[in-house]
């Protein structure tokens, strides 16, 4: 399953972030899924539920998935518009020269983690002068 492989990779990335920031636990993971990403959000969510218990920091985390619209920009008239029907034609001028601005990827947006509150204390030894 494609989504399981993506979630394994995503959890690996998040575990590395948690280690870098000395996290005690990851509380929430927020991702964005676009209609051209090739990712089924239900399968991604299911993969998360299956895989999170095998991680050190993410076992109690929640996954928030934002499904975003396909946002396009016409290269001819600079019109930006949402493309709901997969008809790749500019709504304003009819051009087929379009650029995808959003909605063609799975993106990690935010990771909320509990970080250990530690204060580094340095100990100095005072010596008497002879």
C-alpha atoms as a PDB file:
ATOM      1  CA  UNK A   1       0.000   0.000   0.000  1.00  0.00           C
ATOM      2  CA  UNK A   2       1.396   3.366  -1.121  1.00  0.00           C
ATOM      3  CA  UNK A   3      -0.016   5.288   1.862  1.00  0.00           C
ATOM      4  CA  UNK A   4       1.624   2.921   4.343  1.00  0.00           C
ATOM      5  CA  UNK A   5       5.019   3.537   2.790  1.00  0.00           C
ATOM      6  CA  UNK A   6       4.425   7.292   2.893  1.00  0.00           C
ATOM      7  CA  UNK A   7       3.357   7.134   6.530  1.00  0.00           C
ATOM      8  CA  UNK A   8       6.430   5.091   7.488  1.00  0.00           C
ATOM      9  CA  UNK A   9       8.611   7.757   5.901  1.00  0.00           C
ATOM     10  CA  UNK A  10       6.656  10.567   7.545  1.00  0.00           C
ATOM     11  CA  UNK A  11       6.850   8.956  10.993  1.00  0.00           C
ATOM     12  CA  UNK A  12      10.589   8.427  10.545  1.00  0.00           C
ATOM     13  CA  UNK A  13      10.967  12.136   9.754  1.00  0.00           C
ATOM     14  CA  UNK A  14       8.891  13.123  12.770  1.00  0.00           C
ATOM     15  CA  UNK A  15      10.876  10.830  15.063  1.00  0.00           C
ATOM     16  CA  UNK A  16      14.070  12.552  13.878  1.00  0.00           C
ATOM     17  CA  UNK A  17      12.523  15.952  14.617  1.00  0.00           C
ATOM     18  CA  UNK A  18      11.478  14.765  18.068  1.00  0.00           C
ATOM     19  CA  UNK A  19      15.029  13.596  18.803  1.00  0.00           C
ATOM     20  CA  UNK A  20      16.521  16.880  17.577  1.00  0.00           C
ATOM     21  CA  UNK A  21      14.232  18.880  19.852  1.00  0.00           C
ATOM     22  CA  UNK A  22      14.570  16.515  22.831  1.00  0.00           C
ATOM     23  CA  UNK A  23      10.832  15.837  22.787  1.00  0.00           C
ATOM     24  CA  UNK A  24       9.165  13.678  25.382  1.00  0.00           C
ATOM     25  CA  UNK A  25       6.244  12.975  23.045  1.00  0.00           C
ATOM     26  CA  UNK A  26       4.637  14.074  19.809  1.00  0.00           C
ATOM     27  CA  UNK A  27       1.101  15.276  20.458  1.00  0.00           C
ATOM     28  CA  UNK A  28      -0.227  16.198  17.023  1.00  0.00           C
ATOM     29  CA  UNK A  29       0.831  15.819  13.411  1.00  0.00           C
ATOM     30  CA  UNK A  30      -0.827  17.988  10.775  1.00  0.00           C
ATOM     31  CA  UNK A  31      -0.560  17.183   7.073  1.00  0.00           C
ATOM     32  CA  UNK A  32      -2.040  18.549   3.869  1.00  0.00           C
ATOM     33  CA  UNK A  33      -3.308  16.243   1.131  1.00  0.00           C
ATOM     34  CA  UNK A  34      -4.157  17.570  -2.311  1.00  0.00           C
ATOM     35  CA  UNK A  35      -6.302  15.955  -4.983  1.00  0.00           C
ATOM     36  CA  UNK A  36      -3.300  15.456  -7.303  1.00  0.00           C
ATOM     37  CA  UNK A  37      -1.050  14.030  -4.576  1.00  0.00           C
ATOM     38  CA  UNK A  38      -2.002  10.429  -5.336  1.00  0.00           C
ATOM     39  CA  UNK A  39      -2.740   9.934  -1.635  1.00  0.00           C
ATOM     40  CA  UNK A  40      -6.031   8.642  -0.275  1.00  0.00           C
ATOM     41  CA  UNK A  41      -6.530  10.405   3.051  1.00  0.00           C
ATOM     42  CA  UNK A  42      -8.560   7.534   4.568  1.00  0.00           C
ATOM     43  CA  UNK A  43      -5.796   5.043   3.772  1.00  0.00           C
ATOM     44  CA  UNK A  44      -3.187   7.462   5.140  1.00  0.00           C
ATOM     45  CA  UNK A  45      -5.143   7.819   8.380  1.00  0.00           C
ATOM     46  CA  UNK A  46      -5.518   4.058   8.651  1.00  0.00           C
ATOM     47  CA  UNK A  47      -1.782   3.558   8.086  1.00  0.00           C
ATOM     48  CA  UNK A  48      -1.048   6.097  10.824  1.00  0.00           C
ATOM     49  CA  UNK A  49      -3.274   4.236  13.286  1.00  0.00           C
ATOM     50  CA  UNK A  50      -1.491   0.958  12.489  1.00  0.00           C
ATOM     51  CA  UNK A  51       2.075   2.296  12.557  1.00  0.00           C
ATOM     52  CA  UNK A  52       2.190   4.919  15.317  1.00  0.00           C
ATOM     53  CA  UNK A  53       2.482   2.395  18.177  1.00  0.00           C
ATOM     54  CA  UNK A  54       5.799   1.180  16.764  1.00  0.00           C
ATOM     55  CA  UNK A  55       7.367   4.619  17.291  1.00  0.00           C
ATOM     56  CA  UNK A  56       9.051   6.028  20.358  1.00  0.00           C
ATOM     57  CA  UNK A  57       7.424   9.465  20.375  1.00  0.00           C
ATOM     58  CA  UNK A  58       4.245   9.228  18.267  1.00  0.00           C
ATOM     59  CA  UNK A  59       2.279   6.435  19.926  1.00  0.00           C
ATOM     60  CA  UNK A  60      -0.227   8.840  21.525  1.00  0.00           C
ATOM     61  CA  UNK A  61      -0.214  11.433  18.761  1.00  0.00           C
ATOM     62  CA  UNK A  62      -3.203  12.478  16.721  1.00  0.00           C
ATOM     63  CA  UNK A  63      -3.161  12.984  12.976  1.00  0.00           C
ATOM     64  CA  UNK A  64      -4.974  15.938  11.450  1.00  0.00           C
ATOM     65  CA  UNK A  65      -5.414  15.788   7.689  1.00  0.00           C
ATOM     66  CA  UNK A  66      -6.341  18.905   5.741  1.00  0.00           C
ATOM     67  CA  UNK A  67      -7.793  18.134   2.346  1.00  0.00           C
ATOM     68  CA  UNK A  68      -6.998  21.117   0.141  1.00  0.00           C
ATOM     69  CA  UNK A  69      -8.398  22.231  -3.168  1.00  0.00           C
ATOM     70  CA  UNK A  70      -6.427  22.210  -6.379  1.00  0.00           C
ATOM     71  CA  UNK A  71      -5.284  25.808  -6.830  1.00  0.00           C
ATOM     72  CA  UNK A  72      -4.106  26.812 -10.287  1.00  0.00           C
ATOM     73  CA  UNK A  73      -2.635  29.900 -11.929  1.00  0.00           C
ATOM     74  CA  UNK A  74      -2.942  30.730 -15.597  1.00  0.00           C
ATOM     75  CA  UNK A  75       0.398  31.500 -17.189  1.00  0.00           C
ATOM     76  CA  UNK A  76      -1.264  33.684 -19.810  1.00  0.00           C
ATOM     77  CA  UNK A  77      -3.562  35.964 -17.786  1.00  0.00           C
ATOM     78  CA  UNK A  78      -2.266  35.382 -14.203  1.00  0.00           C
ATOM     79  CA  UNK A  79      -5.743  34.400 -12.991  1.00  0.00           C
ATOM     80  CA  UNK A  80      -5.685  32.192  -9.872  1.00  0.00           C
ATOM     81  CA  UNK A  81      -8.582  29.795  -9.388  1.00  0.00           C
ATOM     82  CA  UNK A  82      -9.672  26.570  -7.729  1.00  0.00           C
ATOM     83  CA  UNK A  83     -10.037  23.690 -10.156  1.00  0.00           C
ATOM     84  CA  UNK A  84     -12.853  21.488  -8.800  1.00  0.00           C
ATOM     85  CA  UNK A  85     -13.546  19.347 -11.850  1.00  0.00           C
ATOM     86  CA  UNK A  86     -10.110  18.449 -13.268  1.00  0.00           C
ATOM     87  CA  UNK A  87     -10.817  20.391 -16.470  1.00  0.00           C
ATOM     88  CA  UNK A  88      -7.426  22.029 -16.881  1.00  0.00           C
ATOM     89  CA  UNK A  89      -8.602  25.191 -18.606  1.00  0.00           C
ATOM     90  CA  UNK A  90      -8.355  28.745 -17.313  1.00  0.00           C
ATOM     91  CA  UNK A  91     -11.721  29.949 -16.067  1.00  0.00           C
ATOM     92  CA  UNK A  92     -11.008  33.477 -17.294  1.00  0.00           C
ATOM     93  CA  UNK A  93      -9.270  33.230 -20.689  1.00  0.00           C
ATOM     94  CA  UNK A  94      -9.602  29.572 -21.704  1.00  0.00           C
ATOM     95  CA  UNK A  95      -5.845  28.921 -21.800  1.00  0.00           C
ATOM     96  CA  UNK A  96      -4.468  25.467 -21.060  1.00  0.00           C
ATOM     97  CA  UNK A  97      -1.121  26.879 -19.923  1.00  0.00           C
ATOM     98  CA  UNK A  98      -1.605  26.430 -16.181  1.00  0.00           C
ATOM     99  CA  UNK A  99       0.666  26.170 -13.175  1.00  0.00           C
ATOM    100  CA  UNK A 100      -0.280  24.225 -10.044  1.00  0.00           C
ATOM    101  CA  UNK A 101       0.038  26.378  -6.914  1.00  0.00           C
ATOM    102  CA  UNK A 102      -1.383  23.949  -4.360  1.00  0.00           C
ATOM    103  CA  UNK A 103      -3.001  20.537  -4.208  1.00  0.00           C
ATOM    104  CA  UNK A 104      -0.464  18.296  -5.882  1.00  0.00           C
ATOM    105  CA  UNK A 105       1.372  17.037  -2.797  1.00  0.00           C
ATOM    106  CA  UNK A 106       1.315  15.469   0.618  1.00  0.00           C
ATOM    107  CA  UNK A 107       2.914  18.055   2.906  1.00  0.00           C
ATOM    108  CA  UNK A 108       3.846  17.988   6.560  1.00  0.00           C
ATOM    109  CA  UNK A 109       2.473  21.243   7.940  1.00  0.00           C
ATOM    110  CA  UNK A 110       2.976  21.104  11.666  1.00  0.00           C
ATOM    111  CA  UNK A 111       4.243  18.862  14.450  1.00  0.00           C
ATOM    112  CA  UNK A 112       3.262  19.692  18.005  1.00  0.00           C
ATOM    113  CA  UNK A 113       5.447  18.024  20.596  1.00  0.00           C
ATOM    114  CA  UNK A 114       5.965  18.037  24.318  1.00  0.00           C
ATOM    115  CA  UNK A 115       9.522  19.080  25.017  1.00  0.00           C
ATOM    116  CA  UNK A 116      11.331  18.293  28.229  1.00  0.00           C
ATOM    117  CA  UNK A 117      11.901  21.449  30.239  1.00  0.00           C
ATOM    118  CA  UNK A 118      15.525  21.178  31.275  1.00  0.00           C
ATOM    119  CA  UNK A 119      17.878  23.842  32.503  1.00  0.00           C
ATOM    120  CA  UNK A 120      21.566  23.328  31.999  1.00  0.00           C
ATOM    121  CA  UNK A 121      23.424  24.006  35.224  1.00  0.00           C
ATOM    122  CA  UNK A 122      27.154  24.457  35.251  1.00  0.00           C
ATOM    123  CA  UNK A 123      29.075  23.775  38.425  1.00  0.00           C
ATOM    124  CA  UNK A 124      32.137  25.800  39.196  1.00  0.00           C
ATOM    125  CA  UNK A 125      34.640  24.850  41.826  1.00  0.00           C
ATOM    126  CA  UNK A 126      36.178  27.774  43.653  1.00  0.00           C
ATOM    127  CA  UNK A 127      39.727  27.379  44.830  1.00  0.00           C
ATOM    128  CA  UNK A 128      41.410  29.365  47.481  1.00  0.00           C
ATOM    129  CA  UNK A 129      44.465  31.405  46.559  1.00  0.00           C
ATOM    130  CA  UNK A 130      47.656  30.142  48.197  1.00  0.00           C
END
